[in-house]
C-alpha cells in the first residue's frame, strides 16, 4: 500500500508543481500574457470547453471509485488497478487545472482562474493519503 500511496502522491505533487510552474511563467512574463485577449471567438470556444470539462469532470472524479466495475477492478487486481484509476482520477482534476491556469494568462480572463481555483480545491477531496488508499481497496 505504501507503494501505491507514494506513486499517487508523486502524481499529485507533480501536477500541482507543473501548474505552479505555469503560474510562475505567467507572472514572470515568460508567457505572452494577454496574447489571445482580442480573439473573442476563440475565447468563447475555449471558455465553453473548459467550463463543460470542469462541470463534468469534478463529479466524475469525486465519484469514480464508487462505480461498481472500477471498485471491482481495484479489489480484484490490487495495486496496479488502484494506481491506474487513482492516476486517472487525479488527472481528471490536474490537467484541466493546468490548462485553466495557462488560459488565464493567455486570455487574461478571470473565469479561467476561478475554474483553476475550484479544481485545486477539489483536489483535497481526492488527496491520496495513506488512510484513503487503504479504504479504497476494501470491498
N, C-alpha and C. Protein backbone atom coordinates (compact mmCIF):
# COMPACT_ATOMS: atom_id res chain seq x y z
N UNK A 1 0.82 -1.20 0.00
CA UNK A 1 0.00 0.00 0.00
C UNK A 1 0.86 1.26 0.00
N UNK A 2 2.03 1.19 0.64
CA UNK A 2 2.92 2.35 0.64
C UNK A 2 3.35 2.73 -0.76
N UNK A 3 3.58 1.72 -1.59
CA UNK A 3 3.99 1.96 -2.97
C UNK A 3 2.91 2.71 -3.73
N UNK A 4 1.67 2.28 -3.58
CA UNK A 4 0.55 2.93 -4.26
C UNK A 4 0.43 4.38 -3.81
N UNK A 5 0.50 4.59 -2.50
CA UNK A 5 0.36 5.94 -1.96
C UNK A 5 1.49 6.84 -2.43
N UNK A 6 2.70 6.32 -2.50
CA UNK A 6 3.84 7.13 -2.95
C UNK A 6 3.70 7.50 -4.43
N UNK A 7 3.25 6.57 -5.24
CA UNK A 7 3.06 6.85 -6.68
C UNK A 7 1.98 7.90 -6.87
N UNK A 8 0.87 7.74 -6.16
CA UNK A 8 -0.23 8.70 -6.30
C UNK A 8 0.17 10.07 -5.74
N UNK A 9 0.92 10.09 -4.65
CA UNK A 9 1.39 11.37 -4.12
C UNK A 9 2.36 12.05 -5.08
N UNK A 10 3.17 11.27 -5.77
CA UNK A 10 4.08 11.83 -6.77
C UNK A 10 3.30 12.46 -7.91
N UNK A 11 2.27 11.77 -8.38
CA UNK A 11 1.42 12.32 -9.44
C UNK A 11 0.71 13.58 -8.97
N UNK A 12 0.22 13.57 -7.74
CA UNK A 12 -0.46 14.72 -7.14
C UNK A 12 0.48 15.93 -7.07
N UNK A 13 1.67 15.71 -6.52
CA UNK A 13 2.63 16.80 -6.37
C UNK A 13 3.14 17.30 -7.71
N UNK A 14 3.36 16.40 -8.65
CA UNK A 14 3.84 16.79 -9.97
C UNK A 14 2.83 17.69 -10.67
N UNK A 15 1.57 17.33 -10.61
CA UNK A 15 0.54 18.15 -11.24
C UNK A 15 0.45 19.54 -10.64
N UNK A 16 0.54 19.61 -9.32
CA UNK A 16 0.49 20.91 -8.66
C UNK A 16 1.74 21.73 -8.99
N UNK A 17 2.91 21.09 -8.99
CA UNK A 17 4.14 21.81 -9.32
C UNK A 17 4.15 22.31 -10.76
N UNK A 18 3.63 21.51 -11.69
CA UNK A 18 3.55 21.97 -13.08
C UNK A 18 2.61 23.16 -13.22
N UNK A 19 1.50 23.13 -12.49
CA UNK A 19 0.57 24.25 -12.52
C UNK A 19 1.22 25.49 -11.92
N UNK A 20 1.94 25.32 -10.83
CA UNK A 20 2.66 26.45 -10.25
C UNK A 20 3.73 26.97 -11.21
N UNK A 21 4.33 26.08 -11.99
CA UNK A 21 5.30 26.49 -13.00
C UNK A 21 4.65 27.35 -14.09
N UNK A 22 3.45 26.96 -14.50
CA UNK A 22 2.72 27.76 -15.49
C UNK A 22 2.39 29.14 -14.90
N UNK A 23 1.94 29.16 -13.64
CA UNK A 23 1.62 30.43 -12.98
C UNK A 23 2.87 31.30 -12.84
N UNK A 24 3.98 30.68 -12.48
CA UNK A 24 5.23 31.43 -12.36
C UNK A 24 5.65 32.01 -13.71
N UNK A 25 5.53 31.20 -14.76
CA UNK A 25 5.87 31.67 -16.10
C UNK A 25 4.98 32.84 -16.51
N UNK A 26 3.71 32.79 -16.14
CA UNK A 26 2.82 33.90 -16.44
C UNK A 26 3.16 35.15 -15.65
N UNK A 27 3.49 34.98 -14.39
CA UNK A 27 3.81 36.13 -13.54
C UNK A 27 5.16 36.76 -13.91
N UNK A 28 6.07 35.95 -14.40
CA UNK A 28 7.38 36.46 -14.80
C UNK A 28 7.39 36.96 -16.26
N UNK A 29 6.23 36.92 -16.88
CA UNK A 29 6.06 37.33 -18.28
C UNK A 29 6.88 36.49 -19.25
N UNK A 30 7.10 35.24 -18.90
CA UNK A 30 7.71 34.31 -19.83
C UNK A 30 6.66 33.81 -20.80
N UNK A 31 5.39 33.86 -20.40
CA UNK A 31 4.26 33.57 -21.28
C UNK A 31 3.79 34.89 -21.87
N UNK A 32 3.27 34.86 -23.08
CA UNK A 32 2.73 36.10 -23.65
C UNK A 32 1.37 36.43 -23.02
N UNK A 33 1.40 37.10 -21.88
CA UNK A 33 0.19 37.40 -21.12
C UNK A 33 -0.75 38.26 -21.97
N UNK A 34 -1.98 37.78 -22.11
CA UNK A 34 -2.99 38.50 -22.87
C UNK A 34 -2.83 38.41 -24.37
N UNK A 35 -2.01 37.47 -24.84
CA UNK A 35 -1.75 37.36 -26.28
C UNK A 35 -3.00 37.01 -27.06
N UNK A 36 -3.92 36.25 -26.48
CA UNK A 36 -5.14 35.84 -27.17
C UNK A 36 -6.34 36.66 -26.71
N UNK A 37 -6.10 37.74 -26.02
CA UNK A 37 -7.18 38.51 -25.40
C UNK A 37 -8.15 39.10 -26.42
N UNK A 38 -7.70 39.49 -27.57
CA UNK A 38 -8.57 40.13 -28.55
C UNK A 38 -9.45 39.20 -29.35
N UNK A 39 -9.13 37.92 -29.37
CA UNK A 39 -9.88 36.96 -30.18
C UNK A 39 -11.06 36.42 -29.37
N UNK A 40 -12.19 37.11 -29.44
CA UNK A 40 -13.36 36.74 -28.63
C UNK A 40 -13.97 35.40 -29.05
N UNK A 41 -13.90 35.07 -30.33
CA UNK A 41 -14.43 33.79 -30.79
C UNK A 41 -13.67 32.62 -30.20
N UNK A 42 -12.34 32.71 -30.25
CA UNK A 42 -11.52 31.64 -29.69
C UNK A 42 -11.69 31.58 -28.18
N UNK A 43 -11.80 32.74 -27.54
CA UNK A 43 -12.01 32.76 -26.09
C UNK A 43 -13.33 32.09 -25.72
N UNK A 44 -14.37 32.35 -26.48
CA UNK A 44 -15.67 31.73 -26.22
C UNK A 44 -15.58 30.22 -26.33
N UNK A 45 -14.90 29.73 -27.36
CA UNK A 45 -14.78 28.28 -27.55
C UNK A 45 -13.99 27.65 -26.41
N UNK A 46 -12.84 28.21 -26.08
CA UNK A 46 -12.02 27.65 -25.00
C UNK A 46 -12.73 27.73 -23.66
N UNK A 47 -13.41 28.84 -23.40
CA UNK A 47 -14.12 29.00 -22.15
C UNK A 47 -15.26 28.00 -22.03
N UNK A 48 -16.01 27.81 -23.12
CA UNK A 48 -17.11 26.85 -23.11
C UNK A 48 -16.60 25.42 -22.90
N UNK A 49 -15.55 25.05 -23.61
CA UNK A 49 -14.99 23.70 -23.47
C UNK A 49 -14.48 23.47 -22.05
N UNK A 50 -13.78 24.44 -21.50
CA UNK A 50 -13.23 24.27 -20.15
C UNK A 50 -14.34 24.27 -19.10
N UNK A 51 -15.38 25.08 -19.28
CA UNK A 51 -16.50 25.06 -18.34
C UNK A 51 -17.19 23.69 -18.35
N UNK A 52 -17.42 23.16 -19.55
CA UNK A 52 -18.04 21.83 -19.66
C UNK A 52 -17.14 20.76 -19.05
N UNK A 53 -15.86 20.85 -19.29
CA UNK A 53 -14.91 19.88 -18.73
C UNK A 53 -14.94 19.93 -17.21
N UNK A 54 -14.92 21.13 -16.65
CA UNK A 54 -14.92 21.27 -15.19
C UNK A 54 -16.22 20.74 -14.60
N UNK A 55 -17.34 21.12 -15.21
CA UNK A 55 -18.64 20.70 -14.68
C UNK A 55 -18.82 19.18 -14.77
N UNK A 56 -18.27 18.56 -15.79
CA UNK A 56 -18.41 17.10 -15.94
C UNK A 56 -17.35 16.32 -15.16
N UNK A 57 -16.12 16.81 -15.17
CA UNK A 57 -15.03 16.02 -14.58
C UNK A 57 -14.99 16.06 -13.06
N UNK A 58 -15.42 17.15 -12.45
CA UNK A 58 -15.37 17.20 -10.98
C UNK A 58 -16.26 16.12 -10.36
N UNK A 59 -17.56 16.05 -10.71
CA UNK A 59 -18.36 14.98 -10.08
C UNK A 59 -17.88 13.58 -10.46
N UNK A 60 -17.42 13.42 -11.70
CA UNK A 60 -16.93 12.12 -12.13
C UNK A 60 -15.69 11.72 -11.33
N UNK A 61 -14.77 12.64 -11.13
CA UNK A 61 -13.55 12.33 -10.37
C UNK A 61 -13.87 12.03 -8.91
N UNK A 62 -14.81 12.78 -8.35
CA UNK A 62 -15.14 12.58 -6.94
C UNK A 62 -15.89 11.27 -6.70
N UNK A 63 -16.62 10.78 -7.68
CA UNK A 63 -17.41 9.56 -7.52
C UNK A 63 -16.80 8.35 -8.24
N UNK A 64 -15.64 8.51 -8.86
CA UNK A 64 -15.07 7.47 -9.71
C UNK A 64 -14.95 6.12 -9.01
N UNK A 65 -14.52 6.11 -7.77
CA UNK A 65 -14.29 4.84 -7.09
C UNK A 65 -15.58 4.25 -6.53
N UNK A 66 -16.70 4.89 -6.74
CA UNK A 66 -17.99 4.35 -6.31
C UNK A 66 -18.63 3.48 -7.39
N UNK A 67 -18.14 3.58 -8.64
CA UNK A 67 -18.68 2.77 -9.72
C UNK A 67 -18.31 1.31 -9.49
N UNK A 68 -19.28 0.42 -9.69
CA UNK A 68 -19.09 -1.00 -9.36
C UNK A 68 -17.94 -1.63 -10.12
N UNK A 69 -17.85 -1.38 -11.42
CA UNK A 69 -16.80 -2.02 -12.22
C UNK A 69 -15.41 -1.56 -11.80
N UNK A 70 -15.27 -0.29 -11.50
CA UNK A 70 -13.96 0.23 -11.08
C UNK A 70 -13.61 -0.30 -9.70
N UNK A 71 -14.57 -0.28 -8.80
CA UNK A 71 -14.33 -0.81 -7.45
C UNK A 71 -13.96 -2.29 -7.51
N UNK A 72 -14.65 -3.04 -8.38
CA UNK A 72 -14.37 -4.47 -8.54
C UNK A 72 -12.96 -4.69 -9.09
N UNK A 73 -12.56 -3.88 -10.06
CA UNK A 73 -11.20 -4.00 -10.61
C UNK A 73 -10.15 -3.73 -9.54
N UNK A 74 -10.39 -2.71 -8.74
CA UNK A 74 -9.41 -2.37 -7.70
C UNK A 74 -9.31 -3.48 -6.65
N UNK A 75 -10.44 -4.04 -6.28
CA UNK A 75 -10.44 -5.12 -5.28
C UNK A 75 -9.79 -6.37 -5.86
N UNK A 76 -10.10 -6.73 -7.11
CA UNK A 76 -9.59 -7.96 -7.72
C UNK A 76 -8.12 -7.86 -8.13
N UNK A 77 -7.74 -6.74 -8.76
CA UNK A 77 -6.39 -6.63 -9.33
C UNK A 77 -5.41 -5.91 -8.42
N UNK A 78 -5.88 -5.37 -7.33
CA UNK A 78 -4.99 -4.80 -6.33
C UNK A 78 -4.30 -3.51 -6.73
N UNK A 79 -3.02 -3.49 -6.40
CA UNK A 79 -2.25 -2.24 -6.51
C UNK A 79 -2.20 -1.66 -7.91
N UNK A 80 -2.03 -2.50 -8.92
CA UNK A 80 -1.89 -1.97 -10.29
C UNK A 80 -3.17 -1.26 -10.74
N UNK A 81 -4.32 -1.83 -10.44
CA UNK A 81 -5.58 -1.18 -10.80
C UNK A 81 -5.79 0.08 -9.97
N UNK A 82 -5.38 0.03 -8.72
CA UNK A 82 -5.52 1.21 -7.86
C UNK A 82 -4.65 2.35 -8.36
N UNK A 83 -3.44 2.05 -8.77
CA UNK A 83 -2.55 3.07 -9.33
C UNK A 83 -3.15 3.64 -10.62
N UNK A 84 -3.64 2.75 -11.48
CA UNK A 84 -4.22 3.19 -12.75
C UNK A 84 -5.40 4.13 -12.53
N UNK A 85 -6.37 3.70 -11.74
CA UNK A 85 -7.58 4.51 -11.55
C UNK A 85 -7.32 5.72 -10.66
N UNK A 86 -6.42 5.60 -9.73
CA UNK A 86 -6.07 6.75 -8.90
C UNK A 86 -5.40 7.85 -9.71
N UNK A 87 -4.53 7.44 -10.63
CA UNK A 87 -3.87 8.40 -11.50
C UNK A 87 -4.87 9.04 -12.46
N UNK A 88 -5.77 8.25 -12.99
CA UNK A 88 -6.81 8.79 -13.87
C UNK A 88 -7.65 9.82 -13.12
N UNK A 89 -8.02 9.48 -11.89
CA UNK A 89 -8.84 10.40 -11.10
C UNK A 89 -8.10 11.72 -10.84
N UNK A 90 -6.83 11.63 -10.49
CA UNK A 90 -6.06 12.84 -10.26
C UNK A 90 -5.90 13.65 -11.54
N UNK A 91 -5.67 12.97 -12.65
CA UNK A 91 -5.51 13.67 -13.93
C UNK A 91 -6.79 14.36 -14.38
N UNK A 92 -7.94 13.82 -13.98
CA UNK A 92 -9.21 14.47 -14.31
C UNK A 92 -9.31 15.86 -13.69
N UNK A 93 -8.60 16.07 -12.63
CA UNK A 93 -8.62 17.38 -11.97
C UNK A 93 -7.36 18.20 -12.27
N UNK A 94 -6.22 17.55 -12.35
CA UNK A 94 -4.97 18.27 -12.52
C UNK A 94 -4.78 18.84 -13.92
N UNK A 95 -5.13 18.07 -14.94
CA UNK A 95 -4.92 18.55 -16.31
C UNK A 95 -5.80 19.76 -16.62
N UNK A 96 -7.12 19.72 -16.31
CA UNK A 96 -7.90 20.94 -16.54
C UNK A 96 -7.44 22.12 -15.68
N UNK A 97 -6.95 21.85 -14.47
CA UNK A 97 -6.44 22.93 -13.63
C UNK A 97 -5.24 23.61 -14.28
N UNK A 98 -4.35 22.80 -14.84
CA UNK A 98 -3.18 23.35 -15.50
C UNK A 98 -3.57 24.12 -16.77
N UNK A 99 -4.50 23.57 -17.54
CA UNK A 99 -4.95 24.27 -18.75
C UNK A 99 -5.66 25.57 -18.42
N UNK A 100 -6.50 25.56 -17.39
CA UNK A 100 -7.18 26.78 -16.99
C UNK A 100 -6.19 27.84 -16.53
N UNK A 101 -5.14 27.43 -15.85
CA UNK A 101 -4.11 28.38 -15.43
C UNK A 101 -3.41 28.98 -16.65
N UNK A 102 -3.09 28.13 -17.61
CA UNK A 102 -2.46 28.62 -18.84
C UNK A 102 -3.38 29.59 -19.58
N UNK A 103 -4.65 29.23 -19.73
CA UNK A 103 -5.60 30.08 -20.44
C UNK A 103 -5.88 31.38 -19.69
N UNK A 104 -5.78 31.33 -18.37
CA UNK A 104 -5.94 32.54 -17.57
C UNK A 104 -4.93 33.59 -18.01
N UNK A 105 -3.71 33.17 -18.24
CA UNK A 105 -2.68 34.12 -18.66
C UNK A 105 -2.79 34.46 -20.14
N UNK A 106 -3.10 33.51 -20.97
CA UNK A 106 -3.16 33.79 -22.41
C UNK A 106 -4.34 34.68 -22.79
N UNK A 107 -5.48 34.48 -22.12
CA UNK A 107 -6.67 35.28 -22.42
C UNK A 107 -6.85 36.45 -21.46
N UNK A 108 -6.13 36.48 -20.36
CA UNK A 108 -6.29 37.49 -19.31
C UNK A 108 -7.75 37.58 -18.89
N UNK A 109 -8.35 36.40 -18.64
CA UNK A 109 -9.76 36.31 -18.26
C UNK A 109 -9.86 35.61 -16.91
N UNK A 110 -10.53 36.25 -15.96
CA UNK A 110 -10.65 35.71 -14.61
C UNK A 110 -11.43 34.41 -14.54
N UNK A 111 -12.30 34.15 -15.50
CA UNK A 111 -13.10 32.92 -15.47
C UNK A 111 -12.22 31.68 -15.46
N UNK A 112 -11.15 31.70 -16.22
CA UNK A 112 -10.23 30.56 -16.23
C UNK A 112 -9.54 30.41 -14.88
N UNK A 113 -9.18 31.52 -14.27
CA UNK A 113 -8.54 31.48 -12.96
C UNK A 113 -9.47 30.93 -11.89
N UNK A 114 -10.74 31.32 -11.95
CA UNK A 114 -11.71 30.82 -10.98
C UNK A 114 -11.89 29.31 -11.13
N UNK A 115 -11.96 28.83 -12.37
CA UNK A 115 -12.09 27.38 -12.58
C UNK A 115 -10.86 26.64 -12.07
N UNK A 116 -9.67 27.22 -12.26
CA UNK A 116 -8.45 26.59 -11.76
C UNK A 116 -8.49 26.50 -10.24
N UNK A 117 -8.96 27.54 -9.57
CA UNK A 117 -9.05 27.53 -8.11
C UNK A 117 -10.07 26.48 -7.64
N UNK A 118 -11.20 26.38 -8.33
CA UNK A 118 -12.21 25.38 -7.98
C UNK A 118 -11.63 23.97 -8.11
N UNK A 119 -10.91 23.72 -9.19
CA UNK A 119 -10.30 22.41 -9.37
C UNK A 119 -9.25 22.14 -8.30
N UNK A 120 -8.49 23.16 -7.94
CA UNK A 120 -7.50 23.00 -6.88
C UNK A 120 -8.17 22.60 -5.56
N UNK A 121 -9.27 23.26 -5.24
CA UNK A 121 -9.98 22.93 -4.00
C UNK A 121 -10.55 21.51 -4.03
N UNK A 122 -10.95 21.05 -5.21
CA UNK A 122 -11.47 19.68 -5.33
C UNK A 122 -10.38 18.63 -5.10
N UNK A 123 -9.14 19.00 -5.33
CA UNK A 123 -8.04 18.06 -5.11
C UNK A 123 -7.97 17.58 -3.66
N UNK A 124 -8.41 18.40 -2.72
CA UNK A 124 -8.37 18.00 -1.32
C UNK A 124 -9.34 16.84 -1.03
N UNK A 125 -10.33 16.66 -1.89
CA UNK A 125 -11.28 15.56 -1.70
C UNK A 125 -10.77 14.25 -2.28
N UNK A 126 -9.70 14.29 -3.05
CA UNK A 126 -9.11 13.06 -3.60
C UNK A 126 -7.64 12.92 -3.21
N UNK A 127 -7.23 13.69 -2.21
CA UNK A 127 -5.85 13.65 -1.74
C UNK A 127 -5.46 12.21 -1.39
N UNK A 128 -4.38 11.70 -1.98
CA UNK A 128 -4.03 10.28 -1.78
C UNK A 128 -3.31 10.01 -0.46
N UNK A 129 -4.02 10.18 0.63
CA UNK A 129 -3.44 9.88 1.95
C UNK A 129 -3.37 8.36 2.12
N UNK A 130 -2.61 7.94 3.09
CA UNK A 130 -2.46 6.50 3.33
C UNK A 130 -3.80 5.89 3.73
N UNK A 131 -4.56 6.60 4.57
CA UNK A 131 -5.86 6.09 5.01
C UNK A 131 -6.82 5.95 3.83
N UNK A 132 -6.85 6.95 2.96
CA UNK A 132 -7.75 6.89 1.80
C UNK A 132 -7.35 5.74 0.88
N UNK A 133 -6.07 5.55 0.66
CA UNK A 133 -5.62 4.46 -0.19
C UNK A 133 -6.03 3.10 0.39
N UNK A 134 -6.00 2.98 1.69
CA UNK A 134 -6.40 1.71 2.32
C UNK A 134 -7.90 1.48 2.23
N UNK A 135 -8.69 2.53 2.44
CA UNK A 135 -10.15 2.35 2.42
C UNK A 135 -10.67 2.15 1.01
N UNK A 136 -9.96 2.61 0.01
CA UNK A 136 -10.43 2.46 -1.37
C UNK A 136 -10.30 1.03 -1.88
N UNK A 137 -9.46 0.23 -1.28
CA UNK A 137 -9.29 -1.15 -1.75
C UNK A 137 -10.16 -2.13 -0.97
N UNK A 138 -10.86 -1.65 0.02
CA UNK A 138 -11.74 -2.53 0.78
C UNK A 138 -12.97 -2.85 -0.05
N UNK A 139 -13.43 -4.10 0.00
CA UNK A 139 -14.62 -4.48 -0.79
C UNK A 139 -15.90 -3.84 -0.27
